[in-house]
């Protein structure tokens, strides 16, 4: 009995080989998807870092942030809206029809 168990551990049957091949195929398939998601996360972090660094020193409007970071205005607006929703930034005074935004919490610099 012990010899049978040891023999099975040493010599995998065809089923386990097929399973291993299936797993390898799935890993290859999902690797592409995981890589795409990882690239997207890196880009989001880069954009957020650029926006935060722009807002660190003084409150800015969306067009000012877009011009300073070379990020499209619509994308900056999207990130600013999300950051505002989650309490990371706050609206300040209006300037020529645009709100100025500043960082909240430990990153907030008052005028």
PDB file of N, CA and C in Angstrom:
ATOM      1  N   UNK A   1       0.826  -1.184   0.000  1.00  0.00           N
ATOM      2  CA  UNK A   1       0.000   0.000   0.000  1.00  0.00           C
ATOM      3  C   UNK A   1       0.871   1.248   0.000  1.00  0.00           C
ATOM      4  N   UNK A   2       1.870   1.288   0.887  1.00  0.00           N
ATOM      5  CA  UNK A   2       2.772   2.430   0.960  1.00  0.00           C
ATOM      6  C   UNK A   2       3.534   2.567  -0.344  1.00  0.00           C
ATOM      7  N   UNK A   3       3.915   1.428  -0.926  1.00  0.00           N
ATOM      8  CA  UNK A   3       4.643   1.470  -2.190  1.00  0.00           C
ATOM      9  C   UNK A   3       3.777   2.043  -3.290  1.00  0.00           C
ATOM     10  N   UNK A   4       2.474   1.739  -3.298  1.00  0.00           N
ATOM     11  CA  UNK A   4       1.562   2.285  -4.310  1.00  0.00           C
ATOM     12  C   UNK A   4       1.470   3.801  -4.190  1.00  0.00           C
ATOM     13  N   UNK A   5       1.360   4.303  -2.995  1.00  0.00           N
ATOM     14  CA  UNK A   5       1.261   5.744  -2.775  1.00  0.00           C
ATOM     15  C   UNK A   5       2.550   6.423  -3.226  1.00  0.00           C
ATOM     16  N   UNK A   6       3.682   5.864  -2.835  1.00  0.00           N
ATOM     17  CA  UNK A   6       4.954   6.433  -3.256  1.00  0.00           C
ATOM     18  C   UNK A   6       5.105   6.389  -4.768  1.00  0.00           C
ATOM     19  N   UNK A   7       4.667   5.307  -5.386  1.00  0.00           N
ATOM     20  CA  UNK A   7       4.758   5.167  -6.832  1.00  0.00           C
ATOM     21  C   UNK A   7       3.886   6.231  -7.510  1.00  0.00           C
ATOM     22  N   UNK A   8       2.698   6.515  -6.970  1.00  0.00           N
ATOM     23  CA  UNK A   8       1.810   7.517  -7.552  1.00  0.00           C
ATOM     24  C   UNK A   8       2.406   8.913  -7.418  1.00  0.00           C
ATOM     25  N   UNK A   9       3.101   9.163  -6.350  1.00  0.00           N
ATOM     26  CA  UNK A   9       3.722  10.473  -6.174  1.00  0.00           C
ATOM     27  C   UNK A   9       4.880  10.666  -7.134  1.00  0.00           C
ATOM     28  N   UNK A  10       5.583   9.596  -7.441  1.00  0.00           N
ATOM     29  CA  UNK A  10       6.737   9.676  -8.331  1.00  0.00           C
ATOM     30  C   UNK A  10       6.297   9.768  -9.782  1.00  0.00           C
ATOM     31  N   UNK A  11       5.334   8.970 -10.175  1.00  0.00           N
ATOM     32  CA  UNK A  11       4.877   8.927 -11.559  1.00  0.00           C
ATOM     33  C   UNK A  11       3.463   9.492 -11.653  1.00  0.00           C
ATOM     34  N   UNK A  12       3.330  10.749 -12.052  1.00  0.00           N
ATOM     35  CA  UNK A  12       1.991  11.313 -12.170  1.00  0.00           C
ATOM     36  C   UNK A  12       1.232  10.658 -13.320  1.00  0.00           C
ATOM     37  N   UNK A  13      -0.052  10.497 -13.138  1.00  0.00           N
ATOM     38  CA  UNK A  13      -0.846   9.914 -14.205  1.00  0.00           C
ATOM     39  C   UNK A  13      -1.152  10.970 -15.263  1.00  0.00           C
ATOM     40  N   UNK A  14      -1.797  10.557 -16.330  1.00  0.00           N
ATOM     41  CA  UNK A  14      -2.101  11.462 -17.442  1.00  0.00           C
ATOM     42  C   UNK A  14      -3.030  12.591 -17.024  1.00  0.00           C
ATOM     43  N   UNK A  15      -3.923  12.311 -16.075  1.00  0.00           N
ATOM     44  CA  UNK A  15      -4.868  13.329 -15.628  1.00  0.00           C
ATOM     45  C   UNK A  15      -4.137  14.510 -15.006  1.00  0.00           C
ATOM     46  N   UNK A  16      -3.169  14.236 -14.146  1.00  0.00           N
ATOM     47  CA  UNK A  16      -2.464  15.334 -13.496  1.00  0.00           C
ATOM     48  C   UNK A  16      -1.603  16.089 -14.512  1.00  0.00           C
ATOM     49  N   UNK A  17      -1.087  15.403 -15.526  1.00  0.00           N
ATOM     50  CA  UNK A  17      -0.311  16.073 -16.575  1.00  0.00           C
ATOM     51  C   UNK A  17      -1.222  16.998 -17.376  1.00  0.00           C
ATOM     52  N   UNK A  18      -2.430  16.529 -17.674  1.00  0.00           N
ATOM     53  CA  UNK A  18      -3.394  17.366 -18.391  1.00  0.00           C
ATOM     54  C   UNK A  18      -3.770  18.581 -17.545  1.00  0.00           C
ATOM     55  N   UNK A  19      -3.934  18.379 -16.260  1.00  0.00           N
ATOM     56  CA  UNK A  19      -4.260  19.488 -15.356  1.00  0.00           C
ATOM     57  C   UNK A  19      -3.137  20.514 -15.356  1.00  0.00           C
ATOM     58  N   UNK A  20      -1.900  20.035 -15.296  1.00  0.00           N
ATOM     59  CA  UNK A  20      -0.762  20.948 -15.305  1.00  0.00           C
ATOM     60  C   UNK A  20      -0.701  21.728 -16.608  1.00  0.00           C
ATOM     61  N   UNK A  21      -0.981  21.045 -17.725  1.00  0.00           N
ATOM     62  CA  UNK A  21      -0.996  21.731 -19.015  1.00  0.00           C
ATOM     63  C   UNK A  21      -2.105  22.774 -19.069  1.00  0.00           C
ATOM     64  N   UNK A  22      -3.256  22.433 -18.513  1.00  0.00           N
ATOM     65  CA  UNK A  22      -4.373  23.384 -18.477  1.00  0.00           C
ATOM     66  C   UNK A  22      -4.015  24.604 -17.630  1.00  0.00           C
ATOM     67  N   UNK A  23      -3.379  24.368 -16.517  1.00  0.00           N
ATOM     68  CA  UNK A  23      -2.974  25.468 -15.640  1.00  0.00           C
ATOM     69  C   UNK A  23      -1.963  26.362 -16.346  1.00  0.00           C
ATOM     70  N   UNK A  24      -1.015  25.758 -17.060  1.00  0.00           N
ATOM     71  CA  UNK A  24      -0.033  26.545 -17.809  1.00  0.00           C
ATOM     72  C   UNK A  24      -0.721  27.412 -18.859  1.00  0.00           C
ATOM     73  N   UNK A  25      -1.690  26.840 -19.541  1.00  0.00           N
ATOM     74  CA  UNK A  25      -2.436  27.587 -20.558  1.00  0.00           C
ATOM     75  C   UNK A  25      -3.197  28.750 -19.926  1.00  0.00           C
ATOM     76  N   UNK A  26      -3.844  28.490 -18.807  1.00  0.00           N
ATOM     77  CA  UNK A  26      -4.573  29.554 -18.116  1.00  0.00           C
ATOM     78  C   UNK A  26      -3.636  30.662 -17.649  1.00  0.00           C
ATOM     79  N   UNK A  27      -2.482  30.286 -17.138  1.00  0.00           N
ATOM     80  CA  UNK A  27      -1.516  31.284 -16.682  1.00  0.00           C
ATOM     81  C   UNK A  27      -1.080  32.174 -17.835  1.00  0.00           C
ATOM     82  N   UNK A  28      -0.837  31.565 -18.990  1.00  0.00           N
ATOM     83  CA  UNK A  28      -0.443  32.360 -20.154  1.00  0.00           C
ATOM     84  C   UNK A  28      -1.562  33.320 -20.558  1.00  0.00           C
ATOM     85  N   UNK A  29      -2.789  32.813 -20.551  1.00  0.00           N
ATOM     86  CA  UNK A  29      -3.931  33.636 -20.919  1.00  0.00           C
ATOM     87  C   UNK A  29      -4.104  34.790 -19.947  1.00  0.00           C
ATOM     88  N   UNK A  30      -4.063  34.513 -18.664  1.00  0.00           N
ATOM     89  CA  UNK A  30      -4.283  35.547 -17.667  1.00  0.00           C
ATOM     90  C   UNK A  30      -3.090  36.472 -17.509  1.00  0.00           C
ATOM     91  N   UNK A  31      -1.901  36.021 -17.886  1.00  0.00           N
ATOM     92  CA  UNK A  31      -0.712  36.874 -17.796  1.00  0.00           C
ATOM     93  C   UNK A  31      -0.905  38.124 -18.623  1.00  0.00           C
ATOM     94  N   UNK A  32      -1.448  37.980 -19.811  1.00  0.00           N
ATOM     95  CA  UNK A  32      -1.695  39.146 -20.658  1.00  0.00           C
ATOM     96  C   UNK A  32      -2.679  40.096 -19.983  1.00  0.00           C
ATOM     97  N   UNK A  33      -3.714  39.550 -19.403  1.00  0.00           N
ATOM     98  CA  UNK A  33      -4.720  40.372 -18.730  1.00  0.00           C
ATOM     99  C   UNK A  33      -4.128  41.046 -17.495  1.00  0.00           C
ATOM    100  N   UNK A  34      -3.369  40.303 -16.720  1.00  0.00           N
ATOM    101  CA  UNK A  34      -2.739  40.845 -15.520  1.00  0.00           C
ATOM    102  C   UNK A  34      -1.749  41.950 -15.896  1.00  0.00           C
ATOM    103  N   UNK A  35      -0.997  41.743 -16.958  1.00  0.00           N
ATOM    104  CA  UNK A  35      -0.050  42.760 -17.410  1.00  0.00           C
ATOM    105  C   UNK A  35      -0.771  44.038 -17.830  1.00  0.00           C
ATOM    106  N   UNK A  36      -1.895  43.894 -18.528  1.00  0.00           N
ATOM    107  CA  UNK A  36      -2.677  45.072 -18.941  1.00  0.00           C
ATOM    108  C   UNK A  36      -3.194  45.836 -17.723  1.00  0.00           C
ATOM    109  N   UNK A  37      -3.711  45.106 -16.758  1.00  0.00           N
ATOM    110  CA  UNK A  37      -4.234  45.742 -15.540  1.00  0.00           C
ATOM    111  C   UNK A  37      -3.092  46.415 -14.778  1.00  0.00           C
ATOM    112  N   UNK A  38      -1.961  45.766 -14.685  1.00  0.00           N
ATOM    113  CA  UNK A  38      -0.810  46.343 -13.984  1.00  0.00           C
ATOM    114  C   UNK A  38      -0.359  47.632 -14.659  1.00  0.00           C
ATOM    115  N   UNK A  39      -0.351  47.650 -15.984  1.00  0.00           N
ATOM    116  CA  UNK A  39       0.016  48.865 -16.715  1.00  0.00           C
ATOM    117  C   UNK A  39      -0.974  49.988 -16.440  1.00  0.00           C
ATOM    118  N   UNK A  40      -2.241  49.646 -16.380  1.00  0.00           N
ATOM    119  CA  UNK A  40      -3.271  50.650 -16.106  1.00  0.00           C
ATOM    120  C   UNK A  40      -3.132  51.218 -14.693  1.00  0.00           C
ATOM    121  N   UNK A  41      -2.848  50.357 -13.739  1.00  0.00           N
ATOM    122  CA  UNK A  41      -2.657  50.803 -12.355  1.00  0.00           C
ATOM    123  C   UNK A  41      -1.440  51.731 -12.268  1.00  0.00           C
ATOM    124  N   UNK A  42      -0.357  51.388 -12.964  1.00  0.00           N
ATOM    125  CA  UNK A  42       0.832  52.237 -12.975  1.00  0.00           C
ATOM    126  C   UNK A  42       0.504  53.617 -13.540  1.00  0.00           C
ATOM    127  N   UNK A  43      -0.267  53.646 -14.614  1.00  0.00           N
ATOM    128  CA  UNK A  43      -0.651  54.922 -15.230  1.00  0.00           C
ATOM    129  C   UNK A  43      -1.520  55.739 -14.278  1.00  0.00           C
ATOM    130  N   UNK A  44      -2.455  55.097 -13.594  1.00  0.00           N
ATOM    131  CA  UNK A  44      -3.299  55.806 -12.627  1.00  0.00           C
ATOM    132  C   UNK A  44      -2.459  56.395 -11.500  1.00  0.00           C
ATOM    133  N   UNK A  45      -1.507  55.628 -11.006  1.00  0.00           N
ATOM    134  CA  UNK A  45      -0.640  56.125  -9.941  1.00  0.00           C
ATOM    135  C   UNK A  45       0.190  57.310 -10.424  1.00  0.00           C
ATOM    136  N   UNK A  46       0.667  57.238 -11.660  1.00  0.00           N
ATOM    137  CA  UNK A  46       1.458  58.329 -12.225  1.00  0.00           C
ATOM    138  C   UNK A  46       0.623  59.600 -12.318  1.00  0.00           C
ATOM    139  N   UNK A  47      -0.612  59.473 -12.807  1.00  0.00           N
ATOM    140  CA  UNK A  47      -1.497  60.632 -12.956  1.00  0.00           C
ATOM    141  C   UNK A  47      -1.838  61.216 -11.586  1.00  0.00           C
ATOM    142  N   UNK A  48      -2.200  60.368 -10.636  1.00  0.00           N
ATOM    143  CA  UNK A  48      -2.530  60.849  -9.289  1.00  0.00           C
ATOM    144  C   UNK A  48      -1.340  61.556  -8.638  1.00  0.00           C
ATOM    145  N   UNK A  49      -0.161  61.012  -8.816  1.00  0.00           N
ATOM    146  CA  UNK A  49       1.036  61.630  -8.247  1.00  0.00           C
ATOM    147  C   UNK A  49       1.267  63.007  -8.864  1.00  0.00           C
ATOM    148  N   UNK A  50       1.089  63.122 -10.179  1.00  0.00           N
ATOM    149  CA  UNK A  50       1.275  64.405 -10.848  1.00  0.00           C
ATOM    150  C   UNK A  50       0.259  65.434 -10.363  1.00  0.00           C
ATOM    151  N   UNK A  51      -0.989  65.016 -10.210  1.00  0.00           N
ATOM    152  CA  UNK A  51      -2.034  65.935  -9.743  1.00  0.00           C
ATOM    153  C   UNK A  51      -1.756  66.351  -8.306  1.00  0.00           C
ATOM    154  N   UNK A  52      -1.423  65.396  -7.449  1.00  0.00           N
ATOM    155  CA  UNK A  52      -1.134  65.721  -6.044  1.00  0.00           C
ATOM    156  C   UNK A  52       0.052  66.665  -5.917  1.00  0.00           C
ATOM    157  N   UNK A  53       1.094  66.413  -6.682  1.00  0.00           N
ATOM    158  CA  UNK A  53       2.274  67.276  -6.582  1.00  0.00           C
ATOM    159  C   UNK A  53       1.942  68.690  -7.044  1.00  0.00           C
ATOM    160  N   UNK A  54       1.037  68.827  -8.004  1.00  0.00           N
ATOM    161  CA  UNK A  54       0.635  70.150  -8.458  1.00  0.00           C
ATOM    162  C   UNK A  54      -0.186  70.865  -7.386  1.00  0.00           C
ATOM    163  N   UNK A  55      -1.009  70.123  -6.664  1.00  0.00           N
ATOM    164  CA  UNK A  55      -1.870  70.719  -5.643  1.00  0.00           C
ATOM    165  C   UNK A  55      -1.174  70.891  -4.299  1.00  0.00           C
ATOM    166  N   UNK A  56       0.022  70.351  -4.140  1.00  0.00           N
ATOM    167  CA  UNK A  56       0.742  70.438  -2.871  1.00  0.00           C
ATOM    168  C   UNK A  56       1.073  71.867  -2.484  1.00  0.00           C
ATOM    169  N   UNK A  57       1.516  72.642  -3.447  1.00  0.00           N
ATOM    170  CA  UNK A  57       2.033  73.976  -3.145  1.00  0.00           C
ATOM    171  C   UNK A  57       0.947  75.044  -3.032  1.00  0.00           C
ATOM    172  N   UNK A  58      -0.030  75.000  -3.922  1.00  0.00           N
ATOM    173  CA  UNK A  58      -1.077  76.008  -3.890  1.00  0.00           C
ATOM    174  C   UNK A  58      -2.327  75.456  -4.561  1.00  0.00           C
ATOM    175  N   UNK A  59      -3.491  75.974  -4.181  1.00  0.00           N
ATOM    176  CA  UNK A  59      -4.726  75.525  -4.823  1.00  0.00           C
ATOM    177  C   UNK A  59      -4.717  75.874  -6.313  1.00  0.00           C
ATOM    178  N   UNK A  60      -5.215  74.960  -7.132  1.00  0.00           N
ATOM    179  CA  UNK A  60      -5.226  75.157  -8.586  1.00  0.00           C
ATOM    180  C   UNK A  60      -6.594  74.798  -9.153  1.00  0.00           C
ATOM    181  N   UNK A  61      -6.879  75.342 -10.324  1.00  0.00           N
ATOM    182  CA  UNK A  61      -8.083  74.967 -11.058  1.00  0.00           C
ATOM    183  C   UNK A  61      -7.764  73.753 -11.925  1.00  0.00           C
ATOM    184  N   UNK A  62      -8.799  73.130 -12.451  1.00  0.00           N
ATOM    185  CA  UNK A  62      -8.593  71.971 -13.326  1.00  0.00           C
ATOM    186  C   UNK A  62      -7.753  72.357 -14.548  1.00  0.00           C
ATOM    187  N   UNK A  63      -8.054  73.473 -15.250  1.00  0.00           N
ATOM    188  CA  UNK A  63      -7.210  73.826 -16.400  1.00  0.00           C
ATOM    189  C   UNK A  63      -5.746  74.101 -16.024  1.00  0.00           C
ATOM    190  N   UNK A  64      -5.513  74.673 -14.850  1.00  0.00           N
ATOM    191  CA  UNK A  64      -4.133  74.916 -14.415  1.00  0.00           C
ATOM    192  C   UNK A  64      -3.394  73.601 -14.176  1.00  0.00           C
ATOM    193  N   UNK A  65      -4.059  72.651 -13.546  1.00  0.00           N
ATOM    194  CA  UNK A  65      -3.444  71.343 -13.302  1.00  0.00           C
ATOM    195  C   UNK A  65      -3.159  70.649 -14.635  1.00  0.00           C
ATOM    196  N   UNK A  66      -4.118  70.715 -15.544  1.00  0.00           N
ATOM    197  CA  UNK A  66      -3.942  70.074 -16.854  1.00  0.00           C
ATOM    198  C   UNK A  66      -2.759  70.683 -17.603  1.00  0.00           C
ATOM    199  N   UNK A  67      -2.651  72.003 -17.588  1.00  0.00           N
ATOM    200  CA  UNK A  67      -1.550  72.664 -18.286  1.00  0.00           C
ATOM    201  C   UNK A  67      -0.200  72.331 -17.653  1.00  0.00           C
ATOM    202  N   UNK A  68      -0.153  72.297 -16.337  1.00  0.00           N
ATOM    203  CA  UNK A  68       1.109  72.046 -15.640  1.00  0.00           C
ATOM    204  C   UNK A  68       1.571  70.597 -15.747  1.00  0.00           C
ATOM    205  N   UNK A  69       0.642  69.664 -15.870  1.00  0.00           N
ATOM    206  CA  UNK A  69       1.006  68.241 -15.872  1.00  0.00           C
ATOM    207  C   UNK A  69       0.975  67.609 -17.258  1.00  0.00           C
ATOM    208  N   UNK A  70       0.477  68.338 -18.248  1.00  0.00           N
ATOM    209  CA  UNK A  70       0.319  67.821 -19.617  1.00  0.00           C
ATOM    210  C   UNK A  70      -0.623  66.621 -19.669  1.00  0.00           C
ATOM    211  N   UNK A  71      -1.584  66.599 -18.749  1.00  0.00           N
ATOM    212  CA  UNK A  71      -2.619  65.567 -18.738  1.00  0.00           C
ATOM    213  C   UNK A  71      -3.873  66.211 -19.325  1.00  0.00           C
ATOM    214  N   UNK A  72      -4.594  65.515 -20.196  1.00  0.00           N
ATOM    215  CA  UNK A  72      -5.797  66.106 -20.780  1.00  0.00           C
ATOM    216  C   UNK A  72      -6.772  66.603 -19.712  1.00  0.00           C
ATOM    217  N   UNK A  73      -7.406  67.741 -20.005  1.00  0.00           N
ATOM    218  CA  UNK A  73      -8.298  68.385 -19.042  1.00  0.00           C
ATOM    219  C   UNK A  73      -9.423  67.463 -18.589  1.00  0.00           C
ATOM    220  N   UNK A  74     -10.014  66.709 -19.513  1.00  0.00           N
ATOM    221  CA  UNK A  74     -11.116  65.827 -19.126  1.00  0.00           C
ATOM    222  C   UNK A  74     -10.656  64.739 -18.158  1.00  0.00           C
ATOM    223  N   UNK A  75      -9.420  64.270 -18.335  1.00  0.00           N
ATOM    224  CA  UNK A  75      -8.887  63.254 -17.426  1.00  0.00           C
ATOM    225  C   UNK A  75      -8.608  63.867 -16.052  1.00  0.00           C
ATOM    226  N   UNK A  76      -8.062  65.073 -16.031  1.00  0.00           N
ATOM    227  CA  UNK A  76      -7.809  65.757 -14.760  1.00  0.00           C
ATOM    228  C   UNK A  76      -9.123  65.958 -14.026  1.00  0.00           C
ATOM    229  N   UNK A  77     -10.158  66.403 -14.737  1.00  0.00           N
ATOM    230  CA  UNK A  77     -11.464  66.610 -14.118  1.00  0.00           C
ATOM    231  C   UNK A  77     -11.990  65.312 -13.516  1.00  0.00           C
ATOM    232  N   UNK A  78     -11.839  64.217 -14.225  1.00  0.00           N
ATOM    233  CA  UNK A  78     -12.285  62.909 -13.751  1.00  0.00           C
ATOM    234  C   UNK A  78     -11.581  62.539 -12.439  1.00  0.00           C
ATOM    235  N   UNK A  79     -10.259  62.689 -12.404  1.00  0.00           N
ATOM    236  CA  UNK A  79      -9.495  62.358 -11.199  1.00  0.00           C
ATOM    237  C   UNK A  79      -9.820  63.318 -10.057  1.00  0.00           C
ATOM    238  N   UNK A  80      -9.955  64.612 -10.367  1.00  0.00           N
ATOM    239  CA  UNK A  80     -10.297  65.605  -9.334  1.00  0.00           C
ATOM    240  C   UNK A  80     -11.648  65.257  -8.714  1.00  0.00           C
ATOM    241  N   UNK A  81     -12.617  64.888  -9.541  1.00  0.00           N
ATOM    242  CA  UNK A  81     -13.944  64.520  -9.030  1.00  0.00           C
ATOM    243  C   UNK A  81     -13.853  63.314  -8.102  1.00  0.00           C
ATOM    244  N   UNK A  82     -13.077  62.325  -8.489  1.00  0.00           N
ATOM    245  CA  UNK A  82     -12.919  61.131  -7.648  1.00  0.00           C
ATOM    246  C   UNK A  82     -12.195  61.475  -6.349  1.00  0.00           C
ATOM    247  N   UNK A  83     -11.164  62.281  -6.446  1.00  0.00           N
ATOM    248  CA  UNK A  83     -10.412  62.664  -5.249  1.00  0.00           C
ATOM    249  C   UNK A  83     -11.290  63.474  -4.297  1.00  0.00           C
ATOM    250  N   UNK A  84     -12.144  64.323  -4.860  1.00  0.00           N
ATOM    251  CA  UNK A  84     -13.067  65.109  -4.033  1.00  0.00           C
ATOM    252  C   UNK A  84     -14.080  64.195  -3.360  1.00  0.00           C
ATOM    253  N   UNK A  85     -14.602  63.241  -4.119  1.00  0.00           N
ATOM    254  CA  UNK A  85     -15.590  62.307  -3.575  1.00  0.00           C
ATOM    255  C   UNK A  85     -15.041  61.553  -2.365  1.00  0.00           C
ATOM    256  N   UNK A  86     -13.770  61.190  -2.415  1.00  0.00           N
ATOM    257  CA  UNK A  86     -13.168  60.410  -1.335  1.00  0.00           C
ATOM    258  C   UNK A  86     -12.436  61.270  -0.312  1.00  0.00           C
ATOM    259  N   UNK A  87     -12.671  62.582  -0.344  1.00  0.00           N
ATOM    260  CA  UNK A  87     -12.151  63.465   0.683  1.00  0.00           C
ATOM    261  C   UNK A  87     -10.663  63.750   0.627  1.00  0.00           C
ATOM    262  N   UNK A  88     -10.028  63.489  -0.513  1.00  0.00           N
ATOM    263  CA  UNK A  88      -8.594  63.734  -0.634  1.00  0.00           C
ATOM    264  C   UNK A  88      -8.289  65.190  -0.961  1.00  0.00           C
ATOM    265  N   UNK A  89      -9.251  65.880  -1.590  1.00  0.00           N
ATOM    266  CA  UNK A  89      -9.089  67.290  -1.921  1.00  0.00           C
ATOM    267  C   UNK A  89     -10.360  68.032  -1.555  1.00  0.00           C
ATOM    268  N   UNK A  90     -10.251  69.355  -1.526  1.00  0.00           N
ATOM    269  CA  UNK A  90     -11.408  70.179  -1.181  1.00  0.00           C
ATOM    270  C   UNK A  90     -11.500  71.353  -2.146  1.00  0.00           C
ATOM    271  N   UNK A  91     -12.726  71.781  -2.405  1.00  0.00           N
ATOM    272  CA  UNK A  91     -12.939  72.967  -3.225  1.00  0.00           C
ATOM    273  C   UNK A  91     -12.584  74.195  -2.415  1.00  0.00           C
ATOM    274  N   UNK A  92     -11.949  75.138  -3.052  1.00  0.00           N
ATOM    275  CA  UNK A  92     -11.645  76.429  -2.442  1.00  0.00           C
ATOM    276  C   UNK A  92     -12.491  77.481  -3.162  1.00  0.00           C
ATOM    277  N   UNK A  93     -12.000  78.698  -3.209  1.00  0.00           N
ATOM    278  CA  UNK A  93     -12.718  79.780  -3.866  1.00  0.00           C
ATOM    279  C   UNK A  93     -12.788  79.557  -5.379  1.00  0.00           C
ATOM    280  N   UNK A  94     -13.746  80.253  -6.002  1.00  0.00           N
ATOM    281  CA  UNK A  94     -13.857  80.205  -7.463  1.00  0.00           C
ATOM    282  C   UNK A  94     -12.922  81.234  -8.069  1.00  0.00           C
ATOM    283  N   UNK A  95     -12.358  80.882  -9.200  1.00  0.00           N
ATOM    284  CA  UNK A  95     -11.482  81.792  -9.925  1.00  0.00           C
ATOM    285  C   UNK A  95     -11.892  81.763 -11.388  1.00  0.00           C
ATOM    286  N   UNK A  96     -12.517  82.842 -11.837  1.00  0.00           N
ATOM    287  CA  UNK A  96     -12.956  82.966 -13.229  1.00  0.00           C
ATOM    288  C   UNK A  96     -13.857  81.802 -13.639  1.00  0.00           C
ATOM    289  N   UNK A  97     -14.756  81.415 -12.750  1.00  0.00           N
ATOM    290  CA  UNK A  97     -15.719  80.362 -13.045  1.00  0.00           C
ATOM    291  C   UNK A  97     -15.256  78.953 -12.710  1.00  0.00           C
ATOM    292  N   UNK A  98     -14.003  78.803 -12.334  1.00  0.00           N
ATOM    293  CA  UNK A  98     -13.468  77.484 -11.988  1.00  0.00           C
ATOM    294  C   UNK A  98     -13.155  77.440 -10.490  1.00  0.00           C
ATOM    295  N   UNK A  99     -13.488  76.326  -9.857  1.00  0.00           N
ATOM    296  CA  UNK A  99     -13.094  76.146  -8.470  1.00  0.00           C
ATOM    297  C   UNK A  99     -11.602  75.848  -8.409  1.00  0.00           C
ATOM    298  N   UNK A 100     -10.989  76.324  -7.351  1.00  0.00           N
ATOM    299  CA  UNK A 100      -9.615  75.932  -7.055  1.00  0.00           C
ATOM    300  C   UNK A 100      -9.704  74.752  -6.093  1.00  0.00           C
ATOM    301  N   UNK A 101      -8.784  73.832  -6.218  1.00  0.00           N
ATOM    302  CA  UNK A 101      -8.768  72.639  -5.376  1.00  0.00           C
ATOM    303  C   UNK A 101      -7.455  72.580  -4.616  1.00  0.00           C
ATOM    304  N   UNK A 102      -7.536  72.079  -3.397  1.00  0.00           N
ATOM    305  CA  UNK A 102      -6.326  71.892  -2.592  1.00  0.00           C
ATOM    306  C   UNK A 102      -6.402  70.534  -1.910  1.00  0.00           C
ATOM    307  N   UNK A 103      -5.239  70.033  -1.542  1.00  0.00           N
ATOM    308  CA  UNK A 103      -5.183  68.740  -0.851  1.00  0.00           C
ATOM    309  C   UNK A 103      -5.763  68.866   0.552  1.00  0.00           C
ATOM    310  N   UNK A 104      -6.365  67.817   1.025  1.00  0.00           N
ATOM    311  CA  UNK A 104      -6.912  67.749   2.375  1.00  0.00           C
ATOM    312  C   UNK A 104      -5.952  67.007   3.279  1.00  0.00           C
ATOM    313  N   UNK A 105      -6.135  67.167   4.571  1.00  0.00           N
ATOM    314  CA  UNK A 105      -5.356  66.391   5.546  1.00  0.00           C
ATOM    315  C   UNK A 105      -3.938  66.864   5.679  1.00  0.00           C
ATOM    316  N   UNK A 106      -3.024  65.913   5.818  1.00  0.00           N
ATOM    317  CA  UNK A 106      -1.631  66.241   6.091  1.00  0.00           C
ATOM    318  C   UNK A 106      -0.956  66.952   4.925  1.00  0.00           C
ATOM    319  N   UNK A 107      -1.508  66.836   3.714  1.00  0.00           N
ATOM    320  CA  UNK A 107      -0.897  67.478   2.554  1.00  0.00           C
ATOM    321  C   UNK A 107      -1.425  68.879   2.320  1.00  0.00           C
ATOM    322  N   UNK A 108      -2.410  69.300   3.097  1.00  0.00           N
ATOM    323  CA  UNK A 108      -3.045  70.594   2.888  1.00  0.00           C
ATOM    324  C   UNK A 108      -2.128  71.736   3.317  1.00  0.00           C
ATOM    325  N   UNK A 109      -1.967  72.707   2.422  1.00  0.00           N
ATOM    326  CA  UNK A 109      -1.189  73.896   2.731  1.00  0.00           C
ATOM    327  C   UNK A 109      -2.148  75.078   2.707  1.00  0.00           C
ATOM    328  N   UNK A 110      -2.287  75.783   3.814  1.00  0.00           N
ATOM    329  CA  UNK A 110      -3.212  76.906   3.855  1.00  0.00           C
ATOM    330  C   UNK A 110      -2.529  78.171   3.355  1.00  0.00           C
ATOM    331  N   UNK A 111      -3.349  79.084   2.842  1.00  0.00           N
ATOM    332  CA  UNK A 111      -2.826  80.359   2.317  1.00  0.00           C
ATOM    333  C   UNK A 111      -2.634  81.361   3.404  1.00  0.00           C
TER     334      UNK A 111
END
